[in-house]
Amino acid sequence: MKTTFTPFVIATLAAGLAGCAGTPATTTPHLDQYFGQAVNQARAQQTLNPDASRNADPVAGIDGKAGQAVVDRYYEGMKQEPAPATVINIGGGLGGS
């Protein structure tokens, strides 16, 4: 039994090592060649003005103090309790006859 088992193990190991020999570094060269291009293309298509960082003109609108007051008022409003819901009953009573 031992004589048939050893050649079988050696043949299996040899076949396994032969299968690993000569494989390229990557198994998906065509996919790796274009890796990330879909994301870059989607980002480019969603950019309204690619040269916006080169524009040195100041932004027109409200000044910093007024903007800060708006933000502060917004946050203060979020801290208050919401008003209770008002139910308007149209068309009849809630109870029986």
PDB file of N, CA and C in Angstrom:
ATOM      1  N   MET A   1       0.813  -1.184   0.000  1.00  0.00           N
ATOM      2  CA  MET A   1       0.000   0.000   0.000  1.00  0.00           C
ATOM      3  C   MET A   1       0.861   1.253   0.000  1.00  0.00           C
ATOM      4  N   LYS A   2       1.971   1.178   0.695  1.00  0.00           N
ATOM      5  CA  LYS A   2       2.837   2.339   0.803  1.00  0.00           C
ATOM      6  C   LYS A   2       3.505   2.656  -0.524  1.00  0.00           C
ATOM      7  N   THR A   3       3.789   1.678  -1.331  1.00  0.00           N
ATOM      8  CA  THR A   3       4.456   1.917  -2.605  1.00  0.00           C
ATOM      9  C   THR A   3       3.542   2.612  -3.607  1.00  0.00           C
ATOM     10  N   THR A   4       2.258   2.401  -3.557  1.00  0.00           N
ATOM     11  CA  THR A   4       1.349   3.068  -4.473  1.00  0.00           C
ATOM     12  C   THR A   4       0.969   4.466  -3.971  1.00  0.00           C
ATOM     13  N   PHE A   5       1.019   4.671  -2.679  1.00  0.00           N
ATOM     14  CA  PHE A   5       0.645   5.956  -2.119  1.00  0.00           C
ATOM     15  C   PHE A   5       1.719   7.011  -2.391  1.00  0.00           C
ATOM     16  N   THR A   6       2.988   6.677  -2.241  1.00  0.00           N
ATOM     17  CA  THR A   6       4.074   7.630  -2.430  1.00  0.00           C
ATOM     18  C   THR A   6       4.156   8.126  -3.875  1.00  0.00           C
ATOM     19  N   PRO A   7       4.097   7.292  -4.883  1.00  0.00           N
ATOM     20  CA  PRO A   7       4.133   7.816  -6.253  1.00  0.00           C
ATOM     21  C   PRO A   7       2.920   8.698  -6.565  1.00  0.00           C
ATOM     22  N   PHE A   8       1.760   8.372  -5.984  1.00  0.00           N
ATOM     23  CA  PHE A   8       0.574   9.191  -6.201  1.00  0.00           C
ATOM     24  C   PHE A   8       0.770  10.592  -5.610  1.00  0.00           C
ATOM     25  N   VAL A   9       1.342  10.673  -4.419  1.00  0.00           N
ATOM     26  CA  VAL A   9       1.586  11.968  -3.774  1.00  0.00           C
ATOM     27  C   VAL A   9       2.613  12.750  -4.577  1.00  0.00           C
ATOM     28  N   ILE A  10       3.655  12.121  -5.026  1.00  0.00           N
ATOM     29  CA  ILE A  10       4.694  12.805  -5.803  1.00  0.00           C
ATOM     30  C   ILE A  10       4.117  13.305  -7.127  1.00  0.00           C
ATOM     31  N   ALA A  11       3.296  12.488  -7.788  1.00  0.00           N
ATOM     32  CA  ALA A  11       2.695  12.898  -9.057  1.00  0.00           C
ATOM     33  C   ALA A  11       1.740  14.068  -8.851  1.00  0.00           C
ATOM     34  N   THR A  12       0.988  14.053  -7.768  1.00  0.00           N
ATOM     35  CA  THR A  12       0.056  15.150  -7.476  1.00  0.00           C
ATOM     36  C   THR A  12       0.805  16.442  -7.192  1.00  0.00           C
ATOM     37  N   LEU A  13       1.851  16.386  -6.397  1.00  0.00           N
ATOM     38  CA  LEU A  13       2.657  17.574  -6.105  1.00  0.00           C
ATOM     39  C   LEU A  13       3.330  18.118  -7.359  1.00  0.00           C
ATOM     40  N   ALA A  14       3.820  17.224  -8.213  1.00  0.00           N
ATOM     41  CA  ALA A  14       4.464  17.663  -9.449  1.00  0.00           C
ATOM     42  C   ALA A  14       3.470  18.350 -10.369  1.00  0.00           C
ATOM     43  N   ALA A  15       2.265  17.813 -10.459  1.00  0.00           N
ATOM     44  CA  ALA A  15       1.244  18.432 -11.307  1.00  0.00           C
ATOM     45  C   ALA A  15       0.819  19.787 -10.741  1.00  0.00           C
ATOM     46  N   GLY A  16       0.727  19.869  -9.436  1.00  0.00           N
ATOM     47  CA  GLY A  16       0.358  21.134  -8.807  1.00  0.00           C
ATOM     48  C   GLY A  16       1.413  22.202  -9.004  1.00  0.00           C
ATOM     49  N   LEU A  17       2.666  21.842  -8.860  1.00  0.00           N
ATOM     50  CA  LEU A  17       3.747  22.815  -9.066  1.00  0.00           C
ATOM     51  C   LEU A  17       3.872  23.201 -10.528  1.00  0.00           C
ATOM     52  N   ALA A  18       3.609  22.277 -11.426  1.00  0.00           N
ATOM     53  CA  ALA A  18       3.672  22.593 -12.856  1.00  0.00           C
ATOM     54  C   ALA A  18       2.556  23.562 -13.231  1.00  0.00           C
ATOM     55  N   GLY A  19       1.420  23.464 -12.580  1.00  0.00           N
ATOM     56  CA  GLY A  19       0.330  24.386 -12.854  1.00  0.00           C
ATOM     57  C   GLY A  19       0.629  25.800 -12.394  1.00  0.00           C
ATOM     58  N   CYS A  20       1.460  25.943 -11.350  1.00  0.00           N
ATOM     59  CA  CYS A  20       1.805  27.271 -10.834  1.00  0.00           C
ATOM     60  C   CYS A  20       2.956  27.915 -11.595  1.00  0.00           C
ATOM     61  N   ALA A  21       3.731  27.129 -12.301  1.00  0.00           N
ATOM     62  CA  ALA A  21       4.900  27.658 -12.984  1.00  0.00           C
ATOM     63  C   ALA A  21       4.485  28.464 -14.211  1.00  0.00           C
ATOM     64  N   GLY A  22       5.112  29.588 -14.380  1.00  0.00           N
ATOM     65  CA  GLY A  22       4.920  30.368 -15.583  1.00  0.00           C
ATOM     66  C   GLY A  22       3.676  31.243 -15.602  1.00  0.00           C
ATOM     67  N   THR A  23       2.984  31.408 -14.481  1.00  0.00           N
ATOM     68  CA  THR A  23       1.814  32.283 -14.478  1.00  0.00           C
ATOM     69  C   THR A  23       2.279  33.738 -14.436  1.00  0.00           C
ATOM     70  N   PRO A  24       1.599  34.613 -15.129  1.00  0.00           N
ATOM     71  CA  PRO A  24       2.005  36.016 -15.113  1.00  0.00           C
ATOM     72  C   PRO A  24       1.743  36.640 -13.743  1.00  0.00           C
ATOM     73  N   ALA A  25       2.265  37.841 -13.538  1.00  0.00           N
ATOM     74  CA  ALA A  25       2.121  38.526 -12.264  1.00  0.00           C
ATOM     75  C   ALA A  25       0.659  38.868 -11.985  1.00  0.00           C
ATOM     76  N   THR A  26      -0.082  39.134 -13.015  1.00  0.00           N
ATOM     77  CA  THR A  26      -1.499  39.433 -12.848  1.00  0.00           C
ATOM     78  C   THR A  26      -2.305  38.569 -13.796  1.00  0.00           C
ATOM     79  N   THR A  27      -3.477  38.191 -13.373  1.00  0.00           N
ATOM     80  CA  THR A  27      -4.307  37.340 -14.217  1.00  0.00           C
ATOM     81  C   THR A  27      -5.341  38.141 -14.992  1.00  0.00           C
ATOM     82  N   THR A  28      -5.399  39.445 -14.755  1.00  0.00           N
ATOM     83  CA  THR A  28      -6.383  40.291 -15.448  1.00  0.00           C
ATOM     84  C   THR A  28      -5.689  41.508 -16.066  1.00  0.00           C
ATOM     85  N   PRO A  29      -4.797  41.313 -17.033  1.00  0.00           N
ATOM     86  CA  PRO A  29      -4.072  42.476 -17.569  1.00  0.00           C
ATOM     87  C   PRO A  29      -4.981  43.454 -18.297  1.00  0.00           C
ATOM     88  N   HIS A  30      -6.033  42.970 -18.932  1.00  0.00           N
ATOM     89  CA  HIS A  30      -6.918  43.878 -19.671  1.00  0.00           C
ATOM     90  C   HIS A  30      -7.779  44.703 -18.725  1.00  0.00           C
ATOM     91  N   LEU A  31      -8.183  44.108 -17.612  1.00  0.00           N
ATOM     92  CA  LEU A  31      -8.974  44.847 -16.641  1.00  0.00           C
ATOM     93  C   LEU A  31      -8.110  45.842 -15.875  1.00  0.00           C
ATOM     94  N   ASP A  32      -6.900  45.427 -15.498  1.00  0.00           N
ATOM     95  CA  ASP A  32      -6.016  46.313 -14.745  1.00  0.00           C
ATOM     96  C   ASP A  32      -5.562  47.505 -15.576  1.00  0.00           C
ATOM     97  N   GLN A  33      -5.534  47.352 -16.868  1.00  0.00           N
ATOM     98  CA  GLN A  33      -5.090  48.429 -17.748  1.00  0.00           C
ATOM     99  C   GLN A  33      -6.033  49.628 -17.657  1.00  0.00           C
ATOM    100  N   TYR A  34      -7.315  49.388 -17.445  1.00  0.00           N
ATOM    101  CA  TYR A  34      -8.300  50.470 -17.399  1.00  0.00           C
ATOM    102  C   TYR A  34      -8.842  50.717 -15.991  1.00  0.00           C
ATOM    103  N   PHE A  35      -8.147  50.236 -14.979  1.00  0.00           N
ATOM    104  CA  PHE A  35      -8.619  50.358 -13.600  1.00  0.00           C
ATOM    105  C   PHE A  35      -8.726  51.824 -13.192  1.00  0.00           C
ATOM    106  N   GLY A  36      -9.894  52.241 -12.715  1.00  0.00           N
ATOM    107  CA  GLY A  36     -10.105  53.590 -12.222  1.00  0.00           C
ATOM    108  C   GLY A  36     -10.560  54.594 -13.259  1.00  0.00           C
ATOM    109  N   GLN A  37     -10.584  54.222 -14.525  1.00  0.00           N
ATOM    110  CA  GLN A  37     -10.965  55.186 -15.551  1.00  0.00           C
ATOM    111  C   GLN A  37     -12.440  55.536 -15.492  1.00  0.00           C
ATOM    112  N   ALA A  38     -13.297  54.617 -15.065  1.00  0.00           N
ATOM    113  CA  ALA A  38     -14.727  54.913 -14.974  1.00  0.00           C
ATOM    114  C   ALA A  38     -14.989  55.960 -13.894  1.00  0.00           C
ATOM    115  N   VAL A  39     -14.283  55.862 -12.783  1.00  0.00           N
ATOM    116  CA  VAL A  39     -14.451  56.844 -11.709  1.00  0.00           C
ATOM    117  C   VAL A  39     -13.936  58.206 -12.154  1.00  0.00           C
ATOM    118  N   ASN A  40     -12.786  58.217 -12.783  1.00  0.00           N
ATOM    119  CA  ASN A  40     -12.233  59.488 -13.260  1.00  0.00           C
ATOM    120  C   ASN A  40     -13.130  60.130 -14.308  1.00  0.00           C
ATOM    121  N   GLN A  41     -13.718  59.332 -15.186  1.00  0.00           N
ATOM    122  CA  GLN A  41     -14.611  59.864 -16.215  1.00  0.00           C
ATOM    123  C   GLN A  41     -15.888  60.413 -15.576  1.00  0.00           C
ATOM    124  N   ALA A  42     -16.461  59.712 -14.610  1.00  0.00           N
ATOM    125  CA  ALA A  42     -17.674  60.186 -13.944  1.00  0.00           C
ATOM    126  C   ALA A  42     -17.410  61.478 -13.182  1.00  0.00           C
ATOM    127  N   ARG A  43     -16.264  61.575 -12.526  1.00  0.00           N
ATOM    128  CA  ARG A  43     -15.928  62.804 -11.793  1.00  0.00           C
ATOM    129  C   ARG A  43     -15.744  63.970 -12.765  1.00  0.00           C
ATOM    130  N   ALA A  44     -15.117  63.730 -13.901  1.00  0.00           N
ATOM    131  CA  ALA A  44     -14.917  64.796 -14.892  1.00  0.00           C
ATOM    132  C   ALA A  44     -16.244  65.258 -15.480  1.00  0.00           C
ATOM    133  N   GLN A  45     -17.172  64.337 -15.679  1.00  0.00           N
ATOM    134  CA  GLN A  45     -18.464  64.699 -16.253  1.00  0.00           C
ATOM    135  C   GLN A  45     -19.332  65.461 -15.263  1.00  0.00           C
ATOM    136  N   GLN A  46     -19.093  65.306 -13.969  1.00  0.00           N
ATOM    137  CA  GLN A  46     -19.890  65.977 -12.959  1.00  0.00           C
ATOM    138  C   GLN A  46     -19.282  67.301 -12.511  1.00  0.00           C
ATOM    139  N   THR A  47     -18.123  67.647 -13.022  1.00  0.00           N
ATOM    140  CA  THR A  47     -17.481  68.904 -12.659  1.00  0.00           C
ATOM    141  C   THR A  47     -17.998  69.995 -13.578  1.00  0.00           C
ATOM    142  N   LEU A  48     -18.626  71.019 -12.986  1.00  0.00           N
ATOM    143  CA  LEU A  48     -19.220  72.083 -13.778  1.00  0.00           C
ATOM    144  C   LEU A  48     -18.149  72.957 -14.410  1.00  0.00           C
ATOM    145  N   ASN A  49     -17.192  73.401 -13.606  1.00  0.00           N
ATOM    146  CA  ASN A  49     -16.143  74.285 -14.101  1.00  0.00           C
ATOM    147  C   ASN A  49     -14.793  73.743 -13.629  1.00  0.00           C
ATOM    148  N   PRO A  50     -14.052  73.063 -14.482  1.00  0.00           N
ATOM    149  CA  PRO A  50     -12.774  72.489 -14.056  1.00  0.00           C
ATOM    150  C   PRO A  50     -11.736  73.544 -13.677  1.00  0.00           C
ATOM    151  N   ASP A  51     -11.872  74.760 -14.196  1.00  0.00           N
ATOM    152  CA  ASP A  51     -10.896  75.811 -13.909  1.00  0.00           C
ATOM    153  C   ASP A  51     -11.354  76.738 -12.791  1.00  0.00           C
ATOM    154  N   ALA A  52     -12.261  76.315 -11.952  1.00  0.00           N
ATOM    155  CA  ALA A  52     -12.797  77.176 -10.894  1.00  0.00           C
ATOM    156  C   ALA A  52     -11.732  77.559  -9.875  1.00  0.00           C
ATOM    157  N   SER A  53     -10.758  76.729  -9.645  1.00  0.00           N
ATOM    158  CA  SER A  53      -9.732  77.061  -8.656  1.00  0.00           C
ATOM    159  C   SER A  53      -8.813  78.181  -9.134  1.00  0.00           C
ATOM    160  N   ARG A  54      -8.790  78.465 -10.400  1.00  0.00           N
ATOM    161  CA  ARG A  54      -7.941  79.540 -10.929  1.00  0.00           C
ATOM    162  C   ARG A  54      -8.628  80.901 -10.887  1.00  0.00           C
ATOM    163  N   ASN A  55      -9.923  80.937 -10.560  1.00  0.00           N
ATOM    164  CA  ASN A  55     -10.683  82.177 -10.513  1.00  0.00           C
ATOM    165  C   ASN A  55     -10.392  82.893  -9.192  1.00  0.00           C
ATOM    166  N   ALA A  56      -9.812  84.096  -9.271  1.00  0.00           N
ATOM    167  CA  ALA A  56      -9.447  84.848  -8.070  1.00  0.00           C
ATOM    168  C   ALA A  56     -10.491  85.888  -7.691  1.00  0.00           C
ATOM    169  N   ASP A  57     -11.590  85.990  -8.420  1.00  0.00           N
ATOM    170  CA  ASP A  57     -12.638  86.960  -8.092  1.00  0.00           C
ATOM    171  C   ASP A  57     -13.338  86.546  -6.803  1.00  0.00           C
ATOM    172  N   PRO A  58     -13.633  87.527  -5.931  1.00  0.00           N
ATOM    173  CA  PRO A  58     -14.349  87.169  -4.698  1.00  0.00           C
ATOM    174  C   PRO A  58     -15.790  86.762  -4.995  1.00  0.00           C
ATOM    175  N   VAL A  59     -16.341  85.996  -4.117  1.00  0.00           N
ATOM    176  CA  VAL A  59     -17.705  85.516  -4.287  1.00  0.00           C
ATOM    177  C   VAL A  59     -18.669  86.648  -3.951  1.00  0.00           C
ATOM    178  N   ALA A  60     -19.654  86.881  -4.801  1.00  0.00           N
ATOM    179  CA  ALA A  60     -20.648  87.914  -4.551  1.00  0.00           C
ATOM    180  C   ALA A  60     -21.750  87.331  -3.683  1.00  0.00           C
ATOM    181  N   GLY A  61     -22.224  88.119  -2.729  1.00  0.00           N
ATOM    182  CA  GLY A  61     -23.292  87.652  -1.854  1.00  0.00           C
ATOM    183  C   GLY A  61     -23.229  88.381  -0.528  1.00  0.00           C
ATOM    184  N   ILE A  62     -23.721  87.761   0.520  1.00  0.00           N
ATOM    185  CA  ILE A  62     -23.727  88.415   1.827  1.00  0.00           C
ATOM    186  C   ILE A  62     -22.337  88.338   2.451  1.00  0.00           C
ATOM    187  N   ASP A  63     -22.069  89.263   3.357  1.00  0.00           N
ATOM    188  CA  ASP A  63     -20.754  89.280   4.004  1.00  0.00           C
ATOM    189  C   ASP A  63     -20.682  88.210   5.092  1.00  0.00           C
ATOM    190  N   GLY A  64     -19.526  88.070   5.678  1.00  0.00           N
ATOM    191  CA  GLY A  64     -19.293  87.009   6.658  1.00  0.00           C
ATOM    192  C   GLY A  64     -20.139  87.143   7.911  1.00  0.00           C
ATOM    193  N   LYS A  65     -20.324  88.379   8.425  1.00  0.00           N
ATOM    194  CA  LYS A  65     -21.109  88.569   9.653  1.00  0.00           C
ATOM    195  C   LYS A  65     -22.570  88.199   9.430  1.00  0.00           C
ATOM    196  N   ALA A  66     -23.122  88.603   8.306  1.00  0.00           N
ATOM    197  CA  ALA A  66     -24.518  88.278   8.012  1.00  0.00           C
ATOM    198  C   ALA A  66     -24.682  86.778   7.807  1.00  0.00           C
ATOM    199  N   GLY A  67     -23.745  86.162   7.147  1.00  0.00           N
ATOM    200  CA  GLY A  67     -23.801  84.718   6.943  1.00  0.00           C
ATOM    201  C   GLY A  67     -23.713  83.955   8.254  1.00  0.00           C
ATOM    202  N   GLN A  68     -22.839  84.418   9.154  1.00  0.00           N
ATOM    203  CA  GLN A  68     -22.717  83.772  10.462  1.00  0.00           C
ATOM    204  C   GLN A  68     -24.002  83.937  11.264  1.00  0.00           C
ATOM    205  N   ALA A  69     -24.661  85.098  11.151  1.00  0.00           N
ATOM    206  CA  ALA A  69     -25.926  85.312  11.861  1.00  0.00           C
ATOM    207  C   ALA A  69     -26.998  84.361  11.344  1.00  0.00           C
ATOM    208  N   VAL A  70     -27.027  84.124  10.054  1.00  0.00           N
ATOM    209  CA  VAL A  70     -28.003  83.197   9.480  1.00  0.00           C
ATOM    210  C   VAL A  70     -27.762  81.779  10.002  1.00  0.00           C
ATOM    211  N   VAL A  71     -26.528  81.367  10.036  1.00  0.00           N
ATOM    212  CA  VAL A  71     -26.203  80.027  10.513  1.00  0.00           C
ATOM    213  C   VAL A  71     -26.539  79.893  11.993  1.00  0.00           C
ATOM    214  N   ASP A  72     -26.211  80.912  12.784  1.00  0.00           N
ATOM    215  CA  ASP A  72     -26.525  80.871  14.221  1.00  0.00           C
ATOM    216  C   ASP A  72     -28.031  80.773  14.456  1.00  0.00           C
ATOM    217  N   ARG A  73     -28.807  81.562  13.706  1.00  0.00           N
ATOM    218  CA  ARG A  73     -30.260  81.511  13.839  1.00  0.00           C
ATOM    219  C   ARG A  73     -30.799  80.126  13.456  1.00  0.00           C
ATOM    220  N   TYR A  74     -30.214  79.527  12.467  1.00  0.00           N
ATOM    221  CA  TYR A  74     -30.637  78.189  12.043  1.00  0.00           C
ATOM    222  C   TYR A  74     -30.410  77.182  13.168  1.00  0.00           C
ATOM    223  N   TYR A  75     -29.220  77.215  13.763  1.00  0.00           N
ATOM    224  CA  TYR A  75     -28.920  76.266  14.833  1.00  0.00           C
ATOM    225  C   TYR A  75     -29.761  76.522  16.079  1.00  0.00           C
ATOM    226  N   GLU A  76     -30.045  77.753  16.389  1.00  0.00           N
ATOM    227  CA  GLU A  76     -30.914  78.059  17.526  1.00  0.00           C
ATOM    228  C   GLU A  76     -32.323  77.542  17.282  1.00  0.00           C
ATOM    229  N   GLY A  77     -32.799  77.652  16.064  1.00  0.00           N
ATOM    230  CA  GLY A  77     -34.122  77.140  15.737  1.00  0.00           C
ATOM    231  C   GLY A  77     -34.197  75.630  15.854  1.00  0.00           C
ATOM    232  N   MET A  78     -33.095  74.943  15.624  1.00  0.00           N
ATOM    233  CA  MET A  78     -33.084  73.485  15.727  1.00  0.00           C
ATOM    234  C   MET A  78     -33.110  73.027  17.184  1.00  0.00           C
ATOM    235  N   LYS A  79     -32.709  73.892  18.124  1.00  0.00           N
ATOM    236  CA  LYS A  79     -32.691  73.530  19.541  1.00  0.00           C
ATOM    237  C   LYS A  79     -34.071  73.631  20.173  1.00  0.00           C
ATOM    238  N   GLN A  80     -34.967  74.419  19.618  1.00  0.00           N
ATOM    239  CA  GLN A  80     -36.294  74.615  20.190  1.00  0.00           C
ATOM    240  C   GLN A  80     -37.168  73.385  19.940  1.00  0.00           C
ATOM    241  N   GLU A  81     -38.127  73.191  20.825  1.00  0.00           N
ATOM    242  CA  GLU A  81     -39.087  72.103  20.670  1.00  0.00           C
ATOM    243  C   GLU A  81     -40.015  72.421  19.505  1.00  0.00           C
ATOM    244  N   PRO A  82     -40.366  71.449  18.719  1.00  0.00           N
ATOM    245  CA  PRO A  82     -41.303  71.714  17.619  1.00  0.00           C
ATOM    246  C   PRO A  82     -42.697  72.014  18.166  1.00  0.00           C
ATOM    247  N   ALA A  83     -43.445  72.795  17.432  1.00  0.00           N
ATOM    248  CA  ALA A  83     -44.811  73.138  17.831  1.00  0.00           C
ATOM    249  C   ALA A  83     -45.679  71.890  17.775  1.00  0.00           C
ATOM    250  N   PRO A  84     -46.649  71.776  18.704  1.00  0.00           N
ATOM    251  CA  PRO A  84     -47.518  70.588  18.673  1.00  0.00           C
ATOM    252  C   PRO A  84     -48.382  70.578  17.416  1.00  0.00           C
ATOM    253  N   ALA A  85     -48.677  69.411  16.966  1.00  0.00           N
ATOM    254  CA  ALA A  85     -49.481  69.262  15.762  1.00  0.00           C
ATOM    255  C   ALA A  85     -50.920  69.689  16.040  1.00  0.00           C
ATOM    256  N   THR A  86     -51.504  70.403  15.125  1.00  0.00           N
ATOM    257  CA  THR A  86     -52.888  70.848  15.250  1.00  0.00           C
ATOM    258  C   THR A  86     -53.758  69.977  14.358  1.00  0.00           C
ATOM    259  N   VAL A  87     -54.806  69.399  14.965  1.00  0.00           N
ATOM    260  CA  VAL A  87     -55.719  68.549  14.225  1.00  0.00           C
ATOM    261  C   VAL A  87     -56.988  69.345  13.969  1.00  0.00           C
ATOM    262  N   ILE A  88     -57.350  69.467  12.733  1.00  0.00           N
ATOM    263  CA  ILE A  88     -58.584  70.162  12.357  1.00  0.00           C
ATOM    264  C   ILE A  88     -59.583  69.106  11.926  1.00  0.00           C
ATOM    265  N   ASN A  89     -60.641  68.981  12.710  1.00  0.00           N
ATOM    266  CA  ASN A  89     -61.647  67.973  12.422  1.00  0.00           C
ATOM    267  C   ASN A  89     -62.718  68.573  11.518  1.00  0.00           C
ATOM    268  N   ILE A  90     -62.759  68.107  10.309  1.00  0.00           N
ATOM    269  CA  ILE A  90     -63.732  68.609   9.348  1.00  0.00           C
ATOM    270  C   ILE A  90     -64.724  67.506   9.031  1.00  0.00           C
ATOM    271  N   GLY A  91     -66.007  67.790   9.231  1.00  0.00           N
ATOM    272  CA  GLY A  91     -67.027  66.840   8.794  1.00  0.00           C
ATOM    273  C   GLY A  91     -67.651  66.007   9.861  1.00  0.00           C
ATOM    274  N   GLY A  92     -67.446  66.259  11.088  1.00  0.00           N
ATOM    275  CA  GLY A  92     -68.186  65.479  12.070  1.00  0.00           C
ATOM    276  C   GLY A  92     -67.449  65.335  13.374  1.00  0.00           C
ATOM    277  N   GLY A  93     -68.089  64.673  14.281  1.00  0.00           N
ATOM    278  CA  GLY A  93     -67.528  64.461  15.612  1.00  0.00           C
ATOM    279  C   GLY A  93     -66.654  63.241  15.646  1.00  0.00           C
ATOM    280  N   LEU A  94     -66.030  63.080  16.784  1.00  0.00           N
ATOM    281  CA  LEU A  94     -65.145  61.933  16.961  1.00  0.00           C
ATOM    282  C   LEU A  94     -65.870  60.756  17.592  1.00  0.00           C
ATOM    283  N   GLY A  95     -66.965  61.024  18.318  1.00  0.00           N
ATOM    284  CA  GLY A  95     -67.621  59.980  19.089  1.00  0.00           C
ATOM    285  C   GLY A  95     -68.821  59.373  18.384  1.00  0.00           C
ATOM    286  N   GLY A  96     -69.604  58.703  19.180  1.00  0.00           N
ATOM    287  CA  GLY A  96     -70.800  58.018  18.675  1.00  0.00           C
ATOM    288  C   GLY A  96     -71.936  59.009  18.382  1.00  0.00           C
ATOM    289  N   SER A  97     -73.142  58.502  18.344  1.00  0.00           N
ATOM    290  CA  SER A  97     -74.306  59.278  17.956  1.00  0.00           C
ATOM    291  C   SER A  97     -74.564  60.309  18.995  1.00  0.00           C
TER     292      SER A  97
END
